Amino acid sequence: MTSQSVINTREDLDAIKDTNPAEHAKFMEYLKGSMTRKQDAAVYPEGYNTPGYDGDKVEPVWSDVEDLSTIERFGFSKSDLL
């Protein structure tokens, strides 16, 4: 049974680069994948989804939004991961 490293900081990530390159590469892919998130852009009427609302149902409109907060927390920029 293999154990995974605990990666909370850039230092943790850098520490496994040479000793466990596969895990390092996998975490880098996770970081790359975190650069966008889904956000609902639908416009909802006042009082929607509250008790007593009896208007039409509004379907979510999902769009991709760039969010670099996770990679920046690890000391990376967008260009580092492209």
N, C-alpha and C. Protein backbone atom coordinates (compact mmCIF):
# COMPACT_ATOMS: atom_id res chain seq x y z
N MET A 1 0.85 -1.18 0.00
CA MET A 1 0.00 0.00 0.00
C MET A 1 0.89 1.24 0.00
N THR A 2 0.67 2.12 -0.96
CA THR A 2 1.45 3.34 -1.02
C THR A 2 0.69 4.47 -0.38
N SER A 3 1.42 5.37 0.23
CA SER A 3 0.77 6.52 0.84
C SER A 3 1.03 7.75 -0.01
N GLN A 4 0.07 8.66 0.03
CA GLN A 4 0.21 9.90 -0.68
C GLN A 4 0.78 10.95 0.25
N SER A 5 1.51 11.86 -0.33
CA SER A 5 2.07 12.96 0.44
C SER A 5 0.98 13.95 0.78
N VAL A 6 1.14 14.63 1.89
CA VAL A 6 0.26 15.72 2.24
C VAL A 6 0.86 16.98 1.61
N ILE A 7 0.09 17.61 0.73
CA ILE A 7 0.59 18.79 0.02
C ILE A 7 -0.30 19.97 0.38
N ASN A 8 0.22 20.82 1.26
CA ASN A 8 -0.52 22.00 1.68
C ASN A 8 0.13 23.30 1.20
N THR A 9 1.39 23.23 0.82
CA THR A 9 2.13 24.43 0.44
C THR A 9 2.99 24.15 -0.78
N ARG A 10 3.54 25.19 -1.34
CA ARG A 10 4.47 25.05 -2.46
C ARG A 10 5.71 24.28 -2.01
N GLU A 11 6.13 24.48 -0.80
CA GLU A 11 7.29 23.76 -0.27
C GLU A 11 7.01 22.26 -0.22
N ASP A 12 5.82 21.87 0.19
CA ASP A 12 5.43 20.46 0.20
C ASP A 12 5.50 19.89 -1.21
N LEU A 13 4.98 20.65 -2.17
CA LEU A 13 4.98 20.20 -3.56
C LEU A 13 6.39 20.07 -4.10
N ASP A 14 7.22 21.07 -3.85
CA ASP A 14 8.61 21.03 -4.32
C ASP A 14 9.39 19.88 -3.70
N ALA A 15 9.03 19.51 -2.47
CA ALA A 15 9.76 18.45 -1.76
C ALA A 15 9.57 17.08 -2.42
N ILE A 16 8.48 16.87 -3.16
CA ILE A 16 8.26 15.56 -3.77
C ILE A 16 8.64 15.53 -5.25
N LYS A 17 9.10 16.64 -5.77
CA LYS A 17 9.39 16.72 -7.21
C LYS A 17 10.37 15.65 -7.66
N ASP A 18 11.44 15.43 -6.91
CA ASP A 18 12.46 14.45 -7.30
C ASP A 18 12.21 13.07 -6.70
N THR A 19 11.57 13.02 -5.54
CA THR A 19 11.37 11.73 -4.87
C THR A 19 10.11 11.00 -5.35
N ASN A 20 9.13 11.75 -5.82
CA ASN A 20 7.89 11.14 -6.29
C ASN A 20 7.37 11.95 -7.48
N PRO A 21 8.04 11.87 -8.63
CA PRO A 21 7.66 12.70 -9.77
C PRO A 21 6.25 12.43 -10.30
N ALA A 22 5.75 11.21 -10.18
CA ALA A 22 4.40 10.91 -10.66
C ALA A 22 3.36 11.65 -9.82
N GLU A 23 3.54 11.64 -8.51
CA GLU A 23 2.60 12.35 -7.64
C GLU A 23 2.71 13.86 -7.87
N HIS A 24 3.92 14.35 -8.08
CA HIS A 24 4.12 15.77 -8.37
C HIS A 24 3.38 16.16 -9.64
N ALA A 25 3.54 15.37 -10.69
CA ALA A 25 2.89 15.65 -11.97
C ALA A 25 1.36 15.61 -11.83
N LYS A 26 0.86 14.66 -11.07
CA LYS A 26 -0.58 14.54 -10.85
C LYS A 26 -1.13 15.78 -10.13
N PHE A 27 -0.40 16.25 -9.12
CA PHE A 27 -0.85 17.43 -8.38
C PHE A 27 -0.79 18.67 -9.27
N MET A 28 0.21 18.75 -10.13
CA MET A 28 0.31 19.88 -11.06
C MET A 28 -0.89 19.88 -12.01
N GLU A 29 -1.33 18.70 -12.44
CA GLU A 29 -2.52 18.61 -13.29
C GLU A 29 -3.77 19.07 -12.52
N TYR A 30 -3.85 18.71 -11.25
CA TYR A 30 -4.96 19.18 -10.42
C TYR A 30 -4.95 20.70 -10.33
N LEU A 31 -3.78 21.27 -10.13
CA LEU A 31 -3.68 22.73 -10.06
C LEU A 31 -4.11 23.36 -11.37
N LYS A 32 -3.66 22.80 -12.48
CA LYS A 32 -4.04 23.32 -13.79
C LYS A 32 -5.56 23.26 -13.96
N GLY A 33 -6.16 22.19 -13.52
CA GLY A 33 -7.61 22.03 -13.63
C GLY A 33 -8.39 22.98 -12.73
N SER A 34 -7.74 23.53 -11.73
CA SER A 34 -8.43 24.42 -10.80
C SER A 34 -8.52 25.86 -11.31
N MET A 35 -7.96 26.12 -12.48
CA MET A 35 -7.91 27.50 -12.98
C MET A 35 -9.26 27.99 -13.51
N THR A 36 -10.22 27.12 -13.69
CA THR A 36 -11.57 27.54 -14.07
C THR A 36 -12.57 26.84 -13.16
N ARG A 37 -13.68 27.51 -12.98
CA ARG A 37 -14.77 26.92 -12.20
C ARG A 37 -16.08 27.24 -12.90
N LYS A 38 -17.08 26.47 -12.61
CA LYS A 38 -18.42 26.69 -13.16
C LYS A 38 -19.17 27.68 -12.27
N GLN A 39 -19.88 28.60 -12.91
CA GLN A 39 -20.67 29.58 -12.16
C GLN A 39 -22.02 29.73 -12.84
N ASP A 40 -23.04 29.78 -12.04
CA ASP A 40 -24.39 29.96 -12.57
C ASP A 40 -24.59 31.44 -12.91
N ALA A 41 -24.89 31.72 -14.18
CA ALA A 41 -25.08 33.09 -14.65
C ALA A 41 -26.55 33.42 -14.90
N ALA A 42 -27.45 32.54 -14.51
CA ALA A 42 -28.87 32.80 -14.71
C ALA A 42 -29.33 33.97 -13.84
N VAL A 43 -30.35 34.67 -14.31
CA VAL A 43 -30.94 35.77 -13.55
C VAL A 43 -32.20 35.24 -12.89
N TYR A 44 -32.24 35.33 -11.58
CA TYR A 44 -33.36 34.80 -10.81
C TYR A 44 -34.23 35.95 -10.30
N PRO A 45 -35.55 35.78 -10.36
CA PRO A 45 -36.44 36.83 -9.84
C PRO A 45 -36.33 36.95 -8.32
N GLU A 46 -36.69 38.10 -7.83
CA GLU A 46 -36.66 38.33 -6.38
C GLU A 46 -37.53 37.30 -5.69
N GLY A 47 -37.02 36.74 -4.61
CA GLY A 47 -37.76 35.76 -3.84
C GLY A 47 -37.68 34.35 -4.39
N TYR A 48 -36.90 34.16 -5.44
CA TYR A 48 -36.79 32.82 -6.03
C TYR A 48 -36.19 31.86 -5.02
N ASN A 49 -36.70 30.66 -4.99
CA ASN A 49 -36.21 29.59 -4.13
C ASN A 49 -36.42 29.88 -2.64
N THR A 50 -37.46 30.65 -2.34
CA THR A 50 -37.82 30.90 -0.95
C THR A 50 -39.21 30.35 -0.72
N PRO A 51 -39.58 30.10 0.53
CA PRO A 51 -40.94 29.60 0.81
C PRO A 51 -41.99 30.56 0.24
N GLY A 52 -42.97 30.02 -0.41
CA GLY A 52 -44.06 30.82 -0.96
C GLY A 52 -43.84 31.28 -2.39
N TYR A 53 -42.66 31.08 -2.95
CA TYR A 53 -42.43 31.48 -4.34
C TYR A 53 -43.23 30.55 -5.24
N ASP A 54 -44.04 31.13 -6.13
CA ASP A 54 -44.84 30.30 -7.01
C ASP A 54 -44.66 30.68 -8.49
N GLY A 55 -43.57 31.33 -8.79
CA GLY A 55 -43.28 31.69 -10.16
C GLY A 55 -42.67 30.55 -10.95
N ASP A 56 -42.24 30.88 -12.14
CA ASP A 56 -41.64 29.88 -13.03
C ASP A 56 -40.29 29.40 -12.49
N LYS A 57 -39.98 28.17 -12.83
CA LYS A 57 -38.67 27.61 -12.48
C LYS A 57 -37.64 28.17 -13.47
N VAL A 58 -36.49 28.56 -12.93
CA VAL A 58 -35.40 29.09 -13.76
C VAL A 58 -34.28 28.06 -13.78
N GLU A 59 -33.91 27.64 -14.98
CA GLU A 59 -32.81 26.68 -15.12
C GLU A 59 -31.47 27.41 -15.00
N PRO A 60 -30.48 26.79 -14.38
CA PRO A 60 -29.16 27.43 -14.29
C PRO A 60 -28.51 27.57 -15.67
N VAL A 61 -27.72 28.59 -15.81
CA VAL A 61 -26.95 28.82 -17.04
C VAL A 61 -25.48 28.77 -16.61
N TRP A 62 -24.85 27.63 -16.84
CA TRP A 62 -23.49 27.42 -16.37
C TRP A 62 -22.49 28.01 -17.35
N SER A 63 -21.52 28.72 -16.80
CA SER A 63 -20.44 29.26 -17.63
C SER A 63 -19.13 29.05 -16.89
N ASP A 64 -18.05 28.96 -17.67
CA ASP A 64 -16.72 28.81 -17.08
C ASP A 64 -16.18 30.18 -16.70
N VAL A 65 -15.63 30.26 -15.50
CA VAL A 65 -15.06 31.50 -14.99
C VAL A 65 -13.63 31.21 -14.57
N GLU A 66 -12.71 32.05 -15.01
CA GLU A 66 -11.32 31.88 -14.60
C GLU A 66 -11.19 32.23 -13.13
N ASP A 67 -10.52 31.36 -12.38
CA ASP A 67 -10.29 31.56 -10.95
C ASP A 67 -8.88 31.06 -10.64
N LEU A 68 -7.98 31.98 -10.46
CA LEU A 68 -6.57 31.63 -10.25
C LEU A 68 -6.19 31.58 -8.77
N SER A 69 -7.16 31.66 -7.89
CA SER A 69 -6.85 31.76 -6.46
C SER A 69 -6.09 30.54 -5.94
N THR A 70 -6.41 29.35 -6.40
CA THR A 70 -5.72 28.15 -5.90
C THR A 70 -4.28 28.10 -6.37
N ILE A 71 -4.04 28.35 -7.66
CA ILE A 71 -2.66 28.29 -8.14
C ILE A 71 -1.83 29.41 -7.54
N GLU A 72 -2.44 30.57 -7.32
CA GLU A 72 -1.72 31.68 -6.69
C GLU A 72 -1.36 31.35 -5.25
N ARG A 73 -2.22 30.61 -4.57
CA ARG A 73 -1.93 30.19 -3.19
C ARG A 73 -0.67 29.32 -3.15
N PHE A 74 -0.44 28.58 -4.23
CA PHE A 74 0.75 27.74 -4.31
C PHE A 74 1.93 28.45 -4.99
N GLY A 75 1.78 29.73 -5.25
CA GLY A 75 2.89 30.52 -5.79
C GLY A 75 3.08 30.41 -7.29
N PHE A 76 2.05 30.01 -8.03
CA PHE A 76 2.14 29.89 -9.48
C PHE A 76 1.33 31.00 -10.14
N SER A 77 1.67 31.28 -11.37
CA SER A 77 0.86 32.18 -12.20
C SER A 77 0.26 31.34 -13.32
N LYS A 78 -0.68 31.92 -14.03
CA LYS A 78 -1.33 31.21 -15.13
C LYS A 78 -0.31 30.75 -16.16
N SER A 79 0.65 31.61 -16.48
CA SER A 79 1.65 31.26 -17.50
C SER A 79 2.55 30.10 -17.06
N ASP A 80 2.71 29.90 -15.77
CA ASP A 80 3.50 28.77 -15.26
C ASP A 80 2.88 27.43 -15.62
N LEU A 81 1.56 27.40 -15.75
CA LEU A 81 0.85 26.13 -15.93
C LEU A 81 0.34 25.91 -17.34
N LEU A 82 0.55 26.85 -18.22
CA LEU A 82 0.09 26.67 -19.60
C LEU A 82 1.11 25.93 -20.44
